[in-house]
Amino acid sequence: MTERFVSAAELMSRVLGMPDYSFAKIGHPVSSATDAGLEAVARMAIEQGKAMLVKA
């Protein structure tokens, strides 16, 4: 989810009965990012996802 839409996503998760639903957050916008920039954002989102799945 890009930073610009985080509040909407959080609202939807509450409306759908999952107030603690987690999701990766990335910078906005992505449409103007370079290939290298997109790769960096994707790697960051993967790390966020891993952290959500594997809590120590």
N, C-alpha and C. Protein backbone atom coordinates (compact mmCIF):
# COMPACT_ATOMS: atom_id res chain seq x y z
N MET A 1 0.84 -1.15 0.00
CA MET A 1 0.00 0.00 0.00
C MET A 1 0.90 1.23 0.00
N THR A 2 0.61 2.19 -0.86
CA THR A 2 1.41 3.40 -0.82
C THR A 2 0.96 4.29 0.33
N GLU A 3 1.89 5.09 0.82
CA GLU A 3 1.63 5.94 1.99
C GLU A 3 0.37 6.79 1.82
N ARG A 4 0.09 7.20 0.62
CA ARG A 4 -1.05 8.07 0.37
C ARG A 4 -2.39 7.39 0.68
N PHE A 5 -2.43 6.07 0.58
CA PHE A 5 -3.69 5.35 0.75
C PHE A 5 -3.76 4.53 2.04
N VAL A 6 -2.80 4.71 2.93
CA VAL A 6 -2.78 3.95 4.18
C VAL A 6 -4.03 4.20 5.01
N SER A 7 -4.44 5.44 5.14
CA SER A 7 -5.62 5.73 5.97
C SER A 7 -6.87 5.06 5.41
N ALA A 8 -7.01 5.02 4.10
CA ALA A 8 -8.17 4.35 3.48
C ALA A 8 -8.11 2.84 3.73
N ALA A 9 -6.93 2.27 3.63
CA ALA A 9 -6.78 0.83 3.87
C ALA A 9 -7.06 0.49 5.32
N GLU A 10 -6.60 1.33 6.23
CA GLU A 10 -6.88 1.09 7.65
C GLU A 10 -8.37 1.19 7.94
N LEU A 11 -9.04 2.15 7.34
CA LEU A 11 -10.48 2.28 7.50
C LEU A 11 -11.20 1.04 6.98
N MET A 12 -10.81 0.58 5.80
CA MET A 12 -11.44 -0.62 5.23
C MET A 12 -11.21 -1.84 6.11
N SER A 13 -10.02 -1.98 6.66
CA SER A 13 -9.77 -3.14 7.52
C SER A 13 -10.66 -3.10 8.76
N ARG A 14 -10.87 -1.90 9.31
CA ARG A 14 -11.79 -1.78 10.47
C ARG A 14 -13.22 -2.10 10.07
N VAL A 15 -13.66 -1.55 8.94
CA VAL A 15 -15.03 -1.78 8.46
C VAL A 15 -15.28 -3.27 8.22
N LEU A 16 -14.26 -3.96 7.75
CA LEU A 16 -14.40 -5.38 7.43
C LEU A 16 -14.15 -6.28 8.65
N GLY A 17 -13.99 -5.66 9.83
CA GLY A 17 -13.86 -6.44 11.05
C GLY A 17 -12.47 -6.95 11.35
N MET A 18 -11.46 -6.37 10.72
CA MET A 18 -10.08 -6.80 10.94
C MET A 18 -9.23 -5.58 11.28
N PRO A 19 -9.48 -4.94 12.42
CA PRO A 19 -8.82 -3.67 12.74
C PRO A 19 -7.30 -3.76 12.87
N ASP A 20 -6.78 -4.92 13.15
CA ASP A 20 -5.33 -5.08 13.32
C ASP A 20 -4.65 -5.65 12.07
N TYR A 21 -5.35 -5.64 10.94
CA TYR A 21 -4.78 -6.18 9.70
C TYR A 21 -3.54 -5.40 9.31
N SER A 22 -2.46 -6.08 9.05
CA SER A 22 -1.20 -5.44 8.68
C SER A 22 -0.96 -5.54 7.19
N PHE A 23 -0.27 -4.55 6.66
CA PHE A 23 0.11 -4.58 5.26
C PHE A 23 1.38 -3.76 5.09
N ALA A 24 2.11 -4.07 4.04
CA ALA A 24 3.35 -3.35 3.76
C ALA A 24 3.01 -1.94 3.29
N LYS A 25 3.84 -0.99 3.69
CA LYS A 25 3.64 0.41 3.30
C LYS A 25 4.86 0.88 2.52
N ILE A 26 4.60 1.45 1.35
CA ILE A 26 5.68 1.95 0.50
C ILE A 26 5.42 3.41 0.14
N GLY A 27 6.45 4.07 -0.39
CA GLY A 27 6.32 5.47 -0.78
C GLY A 27 5.36 5.67 -1.94
N HIS A 28 4.93 6.90 -2.07
CA HIS A 28 3.99 7.27 -3.13
C HIS A 28 4.58 8.47 -3.86
N PRO A 29 4.49 8.51 -5.15
CA PRO A 29 3.90 7.54 -6.07
C PRO A 29 4.94 6.53 -6.55
N VAL A 30 4.46 5.48 -7.15
CA VAL A 30 5.38 4.49 -7.73
C VAL A 30 5.41 4.62 -9.25
N SER A 31 4.45 5.33 -9.82
CA SER A 31 4.37 5.41 -11.28
C SER A 31 5.58 6.12 -11.90
N SER A 32 6.22 6.98 -11.15
CA SER A 32 7.36 7.70 -11.71
C SER A 32 8.71 7.12 -11.26
N ALA A 33 8.67 5.99 -10.57
CA ALA A 33 9.91 5.38 -10.08
C ALA A 33 10.68 4.71 -11.21
N THR A 34 11.97 4.70 -11.06
CA THR A 34 12.82 3.99 -12.02
C THR A 34 12.76 2.49 -11.71
N ASP A 35 13.31 1.69 -12.60
CA ASP A 35 13.37 0.25 -12.34
C ASP A 35 14.12 -0.04 -11.04
N ALA A 36 15.23 0.66 -10.84
CA ALA A 36 16.01 0.46 -9.62
C ALA A 36 15.22 0.91 -8.39
N GLY A 37 14.49 1.99 -8.53
CA GLY A 37 13.66 2.47 -7.43
C GLY A 37 12.55 1.49 -7.08
N LEU A 38 11.92 0.92 -8.10
CA LEU A 38 10.88 -0.07 -7.87
C LEU A 38 11.45 -1.32 -7.20
N GLU A 39 12.63 -1.71 -7.64
CA GLU A 39 13.26 -2.88 -7.03
C GLU A 39 13.54 -2.62 -5.54
N ALA A 40 14.01 -1.44 -5.22
CA ALA A 40 14.28 -1.10 -3.82
C ALA A 40 13.00 -1.09 -3.00
N VAL A 41 11.94 -0.55 -3.56
CA VAL A 41 10.65 -0.52 -2.87
C VAL A 41 10.12 -1.94 -2.67
N ALA A 42 10.27 -2.77 -3.69
CA ALA A 42 9.81 -4.16 -3.59
C ALA A 42 10.58 -4.90 -2.50
N ARG A 43 11.87 -4.69 -2.44
CA ARG A 43 12.68 -5.35 -1.40
C ARG A 43 12.24 -4.88 0.00
N MET A 44 11.95 -3.60 0.13
CA MET A 44 11.49 -3.06 1.41
C MET A 44 10.14 -3.70 1.79
N ALA A 45 9.24 -3.81 0.82
CA ALA A 45 7.93 -4.41 1.09
C ALA A 45 8.07 -5.88 1.47
N ILE A 46 8.99 -6.59 0.84
CA ILE A 46 9.24 -7.99 1.19
C ILE A 46 9.70 -8.10 2.63
N GLU A 47 10.61 -7.22 3.03
CA GLU A 47 11.10 -7.25 4.42
C GLU A 47 9.98 -6.94 5.40
N GLN A 48 9.11 -6.01 5.06
CA GLN A 48 7.97 -5.71 5.92
C GLN A 48 7.05 -6.93 6.03
N GLY A 49 6.82 -7.58 4.90
CA GLY A 49 5.98 -8.76 4.90
C GLY A 49 6.57 -9.89 5.74
N LYS A 50 7.87 -10.10 5.61
CA LYS A 50 8.54 -11.11 6.42
C LYS A 50 8.36 -10.82 7.90
N ALA A 51 8.53 -9.55 8.28
CA ALA A 51 8.40 -9.17 9.68
C ALA A 51 6.99 -9.43 10.19
N MET A 52 5.99 -9.27 9.33
CA MET A 52 4.60 -9.53 9.74
C MET A 52 4.35 -11.03 9.92
N LEU A 53 4.99 -11.83 9.09
CA LEU A 53 4.76 -13.28 9.11
C LEU A 53 5.56 -13.99 10.20
N VAL A 54 6.73 -13.47 10.48
CA VAL A 54 7.63 -14.13 11.43
C VAL A 54 7.90 -13.17 12.58
N LYS A 55 7.09 -13.28 13.60
CA LYS A 55 7.28 -12.42 14.77
C LYS A 55 8.01 -13.20 15.83
N ALA A 56 9.14 -12.67 16.26
CA ALA A 56 9.98 -13.35 17.25
C ALA A 56 9.52 -13.05 18.65
